[in-house]
Amino acid sequence: NELFQNTPNPFSDVTTIGFSLSKD
């Protein structure tokens, strides 16, 4: 389980937040 930094950051329109999970 991990939460990543959003990219891009800073942003003005849309950003992507990545994360991983050890199970569903």
PDB file of all heavy atoms in Angstrom:
ATOM      1  N   ASN A   1       0.854  -1.182   0.000  1.00  0.00           N
ATOM      2  CA  ASN A   1       0.000   0.000   0.000  1.00  0.00           C
ATOM      3  C   ASN A   1       0.890   1.231   0.000  1.00  0.00           C
ATOM      4  O   ASN A   1       1.772   1.366   0.849  1.00  0.00           O
ATOM      5  CB  ASN A   1      -0.897  -0.002   1.235  1.00  0.00           C
ATOM      6  CG  ASN A   1      -1.923  -1.111   1.188  1.00  0.00           C
ATOM      7  OD1 ASN A   1      -2.376  -1.508   0.125  1.00  0.00           O
ATOM      8  ND2 ASN A   1      -2.300  -1.610   2.335  1.00  0.00           N
ATOM      9  N   GLU A   2       0.642   2.111  -0.958  1.00  0.00           N
ATOM     10  CA  GLU A   2       1.455   3.319  -1.062  1.00  0.00           C
ATOM     11  C   GLU A   2       0.671   4.397  -1.808  1.00  0.00           C
ATOM     12  O   GLU A   2      -0.055   4.099  -2.751  1.00  0.00           O
ATOM     13  CB  GLU A   2       2.763   3.008  -1.807  1.00  0.00           C
ATOM     14  CG  GLU A   2       3.768   4.109  -1.748  1.00  0.00           C
ATOM     15  CD  GLU A   2       5.139   3.690  -2.250  1.00  0.00           C
ATOM     16  OE1 GLU A   2       5.321   2.532  -2.661  1.00  0.00           O
ATOM     17  OE2 GLU A   2       6.040   4.544  -2.230  1.00  0.00           O
ATOM     18  N   LEU A   3       0.842   5.637  -1.375  1.00  0.00           N
ATOM     19  CA  LEU A   3       0.234   6.788  -2.034  1.00  0.00           C
ATOM     20  C   LEU A   3       1.356   7.632  -2.607  1.00  0.00           C
ATOM     21  O   LEU A   3       2.307   7.981  -1.900  1.00  0.00           O
ATOM     22  CB  LEU A   3      -0.586   7.617  -1.031  1.00  0.00           C
ATOM     23  CG  LEU A   3      -1.189   8.927  -1.539  1.00  0.00           C
ATOM     24  CD1 LEU A   3      -2.168   8.682  -2.688  1.00  0.00           C
ATOM     25  CD2 LEU A   3      -1.865   9.669  -0.399  1.00  0.00           C
ATOM     26  N   PHE A   4       1.270   7.967  -3.889  1.00  0.00           N
ATOM     27  CA  PHE A   4       2.317   8.722  -4.557  1.00  0.00           C
ATOM     28  C   PHE A   4       1.943  10.199  -4.680  1.00  0.00           C
ATOM     29  O   PHE A   4       0.770  10.563  -4.585  1.00  0.00           O
ATOM     30  CB  PHE A   4       2.587   8.138  -5.946  1.00  0.00           C
ATOM     31  CG  PHE A   4       2.966   6.692  -5.894  1.00  0.00           C
ATOM     32  CD1 PHE A   4       2.099   5.718  -6.349  1.00  0.00           C
ATOM     33  CD2 PHE A   4       4.184   6.287  -5.363  1.00  0.00           C
ATOM     34  CE1 PHE A   4       2.429   4.372  -6.299  1.00  0.00           C
ATOM     35  CE2 PHE A   4       4.530   4.949  -5.299  1.00  0.00           C
ATOM     36  CZ  PHE A   4       3.648   3.995  -5.769  1.00  0.00           C
ATOM     37  N   GLN A   5       2.945  11.020  -4.932  1.00  0.00           N
ATOM     38  CA  GLN A   5       2.726  12.443  -5.152  1.00  0.00           C
ATOM     39  C   GLN A   5       1.989  12.644  -6.468  1.00  0.00           C
ATOM     40  O   GLN A   5       2.295  11.965  -7.456  1.00  0.00           O
ATOM     41  CB  GLN A   5       4.067  13.189  -5.184  1.00  0.00           C
ATOM     42  CG  GLN A   5       3.926  14.699  -5.271  1.00  0.00           C
ATOM     43  CD  GLN A   5       3.236  15.281  -4.048  1.00  0.00           C
ATOM     44  OE1 GLN A   5       3.624  15.014  -2.929  1.00  0.00           O
ATOM     45  NE2 GLN A   5       2.206  16.081  -4.282  1.00  0.00           N
ATOM     46  N   ASN A   6       1.004  13.519  -6.461  1.00  0.00           N
ATOM     47  CA  ASN A   6       0.274  13.809  -7.693  1.00  0.00           C
ATOM     48  C   ASN A   6       1.208  14.441  -8.724  1.00  0.00           C
ATOM     49  O   ASN A   6       2.182  15.110  -8.381  1.00  0.00           O
ATOM     50  CB  ASN A   6      -0.933  14.720  -7.420  1.00  0.00           C
ATOM     51  CG  ASN A   6      -0.540  16.092  -6.928  1.00  0.00           C
ATOM     52  OD1 ASN A   6       0.127  16.216  -5.895  1.00  0.00           O
ATOM     53  ND2 ASN A   6      -0.950  17.122  -7.635  1.00  0.00           N
ATOM     54  N   THR A   7       0.904  14.204 -10.004  1.00  0.00           N
ATOM     55  CA  THR A   7       1.676  14.815 -11.087  1.00  0.00           C
ATOM     56  C   THR A   7       0.724  15.321 -12.151  1.00  0.00           C
ATOM     57  O   THR A   7      -0.234  14.623 -12.482  1.00  0.00           O
ATOM     58  CB  THR A   7       2.660  13.803 -11.729  1.00  0.00           C
ATOM     59  OG1 THR A   7       1.943  12.671 -12.186  1.00  0.00           O
ATOM     60  CG2 THR A   7       3.740  13.385 -10.753  1.00  0.00           C
ATOM     61  N   PRO A   8       0.917  16.502 -12.689  1.00  0.00           N
ATOM     62  CA  PRO A   8       1.935  17.446 -12.221  1.00  0.00           C
ATOM     63  C   PRO A   8       1.491  18.095 -10.911  1.00  0.00           C
ATOM     64  O   PRO A   8       0.318  18.081 -10.554  1.00  0.00           O
ATOM     65  CB  PRO A   8       1.988  18.483 -13.338  1.00  0.00           C
ATOM     66  CG  PRO A   8       0.616  18.469 -13.947  1.00  0.00           C
ATOM     67  CD  PRO A   8       0.147  17.030 -13.821  1.00  0.00           C
ATOM     68  N   ASN A   9       2.440  18.658 -10.238  1.00  0.00           N
ATOM     69  CA  ASN A   9       2.179  19.400  -9.010  1.00  0.00           C
ATOM     70  C   ASN A   9       3.212  20.513  -8.922  1.00  0.00           C
ATOM     71  O   ASN A   9       4.396  20.211  -8.868  1.00  0.00           O
ATOM     72  CB  ASN A   9       2.290  18.488  -7.785  1.00  0.00           C
ATOM     73  CG  ASN A   9       1.829  19.169  -6.509  1.00  0.00           C
ATOM     74  OD1 ASN A   9       0.878  19.921  -6.522  1.00  0.00           O
ATOM     75  ND2 ASN A   9       2.527  18.921  -5.425  1.00  0.00           N
ATOM     76  N   PRO A  10       2.791  21.760  -8.933  1.00  0.00           N
ATOM     77  CA  PRO A  10       1.422  22.283  -8.961  1.00  0.00           C
ATOM     78  C   PRO A  10       0.751  22.041 -10.321  1.00  0.00           C
ATOM     79  O   PRO A  10       1.398  21.762 -11.304  1.00  0.00           O
ATOM     80  CB  PRO A  10       1.592  23.771  -8.680  1.00  0.00           C
ATOM     81  CG  PRO A  10       3.014  24.085  -8.923  1.00  0.00           C
ATOM     82  CD  PRO A  10       3.789  22.819  -8.836  1.00  0.00           C
ATOM     83  N   PHE A  11      -0.585  22.190 -10.331  1.00  0.00           N
ATOM     84  CA  PHE A  11      -1.351  22.018 -11.566  1.00  0.00           C
ATOM     85  C   PHE A  11      -2.455  23.066 -11.617  1.00  0.00           C
ATOM     86  O   PHE A  11      -2.833  23.645 -10.607  1.00  0.00           O
ATOM     87  CB  PHE A  11      -1.927  20.601 -11.665  1.00  0.00           C
ATOM     88  CG  PHE A  11      -3.051  20.307 -10.703  1.00  0.00           C
ATOM     89  CD1 PHE A  11      -4.371  20.334 -11.129  1.00  0.00           C
ATOM     90  CD2 PHE A  11      -2.794  20.004  -9.377  1.00  0.00           C
ATOM     91  CE1 PHE A  11      -5.408  20.046 -10.254  1.00  0.00           C
ATOM     92  CE2 PHE A  11      -3.832  19.708  -8.502  1.00  0.00           C
ATOM     93  CZ  PHE A  11      -5.140  19.744  -8.939  1.00  0.00           C
ATOM     94  N   SER A  12      -2.981  23.277 -12.840  1.00  0.00           N
ATOM     95  CA  SER A  12      -4.070  24.245 -12.989  1.00  0.00           C
ATOM     96  C   SER A  12      -5.311  23.617 -13.615  1.00  0.00           C
ATOM     97  O   SER A  12      -6.395  24.179 -13.505  1.00  0.00           O
ATOM     98  CB  SER A  12      -3.614  25.425 -13.849  1.00  0.00           C
ATOM     99  OG  SER A  12      -3.219  24.970 -15.124  1.00  0.00           O
ATOM    100  N   ASP A  13      -5.171  22.476 -14.250  1.00  0.00           N
ATOM    101  CA  ASP A  13      -6.306  21.864 -14.931  1.00  0.00           C
ATOM    102  C   ASP A  13      -6.600  20.470 -14.377  1.00  0.00           C
ATOM    103  O   ASP A  13      -7.594  20.273 -13.702  1.00  0.00           O
ATOM    104  CB  ASP A  13      -6.030  21.796 -16.437  1.00  0.00           C
ATOM    105  CG  ASP A  13      -7.226  21.326 -17.241  1.00  0.00           C
ATOM    106  OD1 ASP A  13      -8.370  21.574 -16.821  1.00  0.00           O
ATOM    107  OD2 ASP A  13      -7.012  20.684 -18.285  1.00  0.00           O
ATOM    108  N   VAL A  14      -5.741  19.499 -14.672  1.00  0.00           N
ATOM    109  CA  VAL A  14      -5.928  18.107 -14.269  1.00  0.00           C
ATOM    110  C   VAL A  14      -4.625  17.573 -13.698  1.00  0.00           C
ATOM    111  O   VAL A  14      -3.546  17.915 -14.164  1.00  0.00           O
ATOM    112  CB  VAL A  14      -6.353  17.240 -15.477  1.00  0.00           C
ATOM    113  CG1 VAL A  14      -6.438  15.778 -15.108  1.00  0.00           C
ATOM    114  CG2 VAL A  14      -7.683  17.716 -16.035  1.00  0.00           C
ATOM    115  N   THR A  15      -4.745  16.726 -12.672  1.00  0.00           N
ATOM    116  CA  THR A  15      -3.580  16.060 -12.097  1.00  0.00           C
ATOM    117  C   THR A  15      -3.901  14.583 -11.930  1.00  0.00           C
ATOM    118  O   THR A  15      -5.072  14.198 -11.887  1.00  0.00           O
ATOM    119  CB  THR A  15      -3.161  16.701 -10.753  1.00  0.00           C
ATOM    120  OG1 THR A  15      -1.882  16.206 -10.370  1.00  0.00           O
ATOM    121  CG2 THR A  15      -4.173  16.432  -9.657  1.00  0.00           C
ATOM    122  N   THR A  16      -2.862  13.771 -11.844  1.00  0.00           N
ATOM    123  CA  THR A  16      -3.021  12.331 -11.664  1.00  0.00           C
ATOM    124  C   THR A  16      -2.436  11.921 -10.318  1.00  0.00           C
ATOM    125  O   THR A  16      -1.315  12.297  -9.989  1.00  0.00           O
ATOM    126  CB  THR A  16      -2.308  11.558 -12.798  1.00  0.00           C
ATOM    127  OG1 THR A  16      -2.853  11.967 -14.050  1.00  0.00           O
ATOM    128  CG2 THR A  16      -2.484  10.067 -12.636  1.00  0.00           C
ATOM    129  N   ILE A  17      -3.216  11.163  -9.573  1.00  0.00           N
ATOM    130  CA  ILE A  17      -2.770  10.657  -8.280  1.00  0.00           C
ATOM    131  C   ILE A  17      -2.589   9.150  -8.427  1.00  0.00           C
ATOM    132  O   ILE A  17      -3.531   8.434  -8.768  1.00  0.00           O
ATOM    133  CB  ILE A  17      -3.791  10.967  -7.164  1.00  0.00           C
ATOM    134  CG1 ILE A  17      -3.925  12.481  -6.999  1.00  0.00           C
ATOM    135  CG2 ILE A  17      -3.376  10.290  -5.858  1.00  0.00           C
ATOM    136  CD1 ILE A  17      -5.024  12.903  -6.062  1.00  0.00           C
ATOM    137  N   GLY A  18      -1.380   8.684  -8.171  1.00  0.00           N
ATOM    138  CA  GLY A  18      -1.083   7.266  -8.266  1.00  0.00           C
ATOM    139  C   GLY A  18      -1.029   6.635  -6.884  1.00  0.00           C
ATOM    140  O   GLY A  18      -0.672   7.283  -5.898  1.00  0.00           O
ATOM    141  N   PHE A  19      -1.393   5.365  -6.819  1.00  0.00           N
ATOM    142  CA  PHE A  19      -1.292   4.625  -5.566  1.00  0.00           C
ATOM    143  C   PHE A  19      -1.198   3.146  -5.891  1.00  0.00           C
ATOM    144  O   PHE A  19      -1.582   2.698  -6.965  1.00  0.00           O
ATOM    145  CB  PHE A  19      -2.487   4.909  -4.641  1.00  0.00           C
ATOM    146  CG  PHE A  19      -3.843   4.633  -5.233  1.00  0.00           C
ATOM    147  CD1 PHE A  19      -4.477   3.414  -5.035  1.00  0.00           C
ATOM    148  CD2 PHE A  19      -4.494   5.611  -5.992  1.00  0.00           C
ATOM    149  CE1 PHE A  19      -5.736   3.166  -5.572  1.00  0.00           C
ATOM    150  CE2 PHE A  19      -5.745   5.372  -6.533  1.00  0.00           C
ATOM    151  CZ  PHE A  19      -6.373   4.145  -6.327  1.00  0.00           C
ATOM    152  N   SER A  20      -0.621   2.385  -4.979  1.00  0.00           N
ATOM    153  CA  SER A  20      -0.570   0.937  -5.160  1.00  0.00           C
ATOM    154  C   SER A  20      -1.205   0.265  -3.956  1.00  0.00           C
ATOM    155  O   SER A  20      -1.152   0.776  -2.837  1.00  0.00           O
ATOM    156  CB  SER A  20       0.857   0.442  -5.377  1.00  0.00           C
ATOM    157  OG  SER A  20       1.636   0.605  -4.215  1.00  0.00           O
ATOM    158  N   LEU A  21      -1.807  -0.878  -4.218  1.00  0.00           N
ATOM    159  CA  LEU A  21      -2.496  -1.643  -3.183  1.00  0.00           C
ATOM    160  C   LEU A  21      -1.945  -3.062  -3.143  1.00  0.00           C
ATOM    161  O   LEU A  21      -1.672  -3.656  -4.185  1.00  0.00           O
ATOM    162  CB  LEU A  21      -3.996  -1.702  -3.473  1.00  0.00           C
ATOM    163  CG  LEU A  21      -4.744  -0.372  -3.562  1.00  0.00           C
ATOM    164  CD1 LEU A  21      -6.170  -0.598  -4.039  1.00  0.00           C
ATOM    165  CD2 LEU A  21      -4.729   0.331  -2.218  1.00  0.00           C
ATOM    166  N   SER A  22      -1.826  -3.609  -1.944  1.00  0.00           N
ATOM    167  CA  SER A  22      -1.333  -4.975  -1.804  1.00  0.00           C
ATOM    168  C   SER A  22      -2.407  -6.004  -2.149  1.00  0.00           C
ATOM    169  O   SER A  22      -2.093  -7.150  -2.448  1.00  0.00           O
ATOM    170  CB  SER A  22      -0.816  -5.213  -0.386  1.00  0.00           C
ATOM    171  OG  SER A  22      -1.852  -5.012   0.553  1.00  0.00           O
ATOM    172  N   LYS A  23      -3.677  -5.584  -2.117  1.00  0.00           N
ATOM    173  CA  LYS A  23      -4.782  -6.476  -2.492  1.00  0.00           C
ATOM    174  C   LYS A  23      -5.962  -5.621  -2.945  1.00  0.00           C
ATOM    175  O   LYS A  23      -5.993  -4.413  -2.722  1.00  0.00           O
ATOM    176  CB  LYS A  23      -5.185  -7.384  -1.325  1.00  0.00           C
ATOM    177  CG  LYS A  23      -5.641  -6.651  -0.079  1.00  0.00           C
ATOM    178  CD  LYS A  23      -5.930  -7.653   1.034  1.00  0.00           C
ATOM    179  CE  LYS A  23      -6.360  -6.929   2.298  1.00  0.00           C
ATOM    180  NZ  LYS A  23      -6.679  -7.851   3.379  1.00  0.00           N
ATOM    181  N   ASP A  24      -6.923  -6.248  -3.604  1.00  0.00           N
ATOM    182  CA  ASP A  24      -8.132  -5.539  -4.026  1.00  0.00           C
ATOM    183  C   ASP A  24      -8.764  -4.875  -2.804  1.00  0.00           C
ATOM    184  O   ASP A  24      -8.829  -5.484  -1.732  1.00  0.00           O
ATOM    185  CB  ASP A  24      -9.147  -6.500  -4.631  1.00  0.00           C
ATOM    186  CG  ASP A  24      -8.675  -7.140  -5.929  1.00  0.00           C
ATOM    187  OD1 ASP A  24      -7.560  -6.838  -6.386  1.00  0.00           O
ATOM    188  OD2 ASP A  24      -9.428  -7.962  -6.487  1.00  0.00           O
TER     189      ASP A  24
END
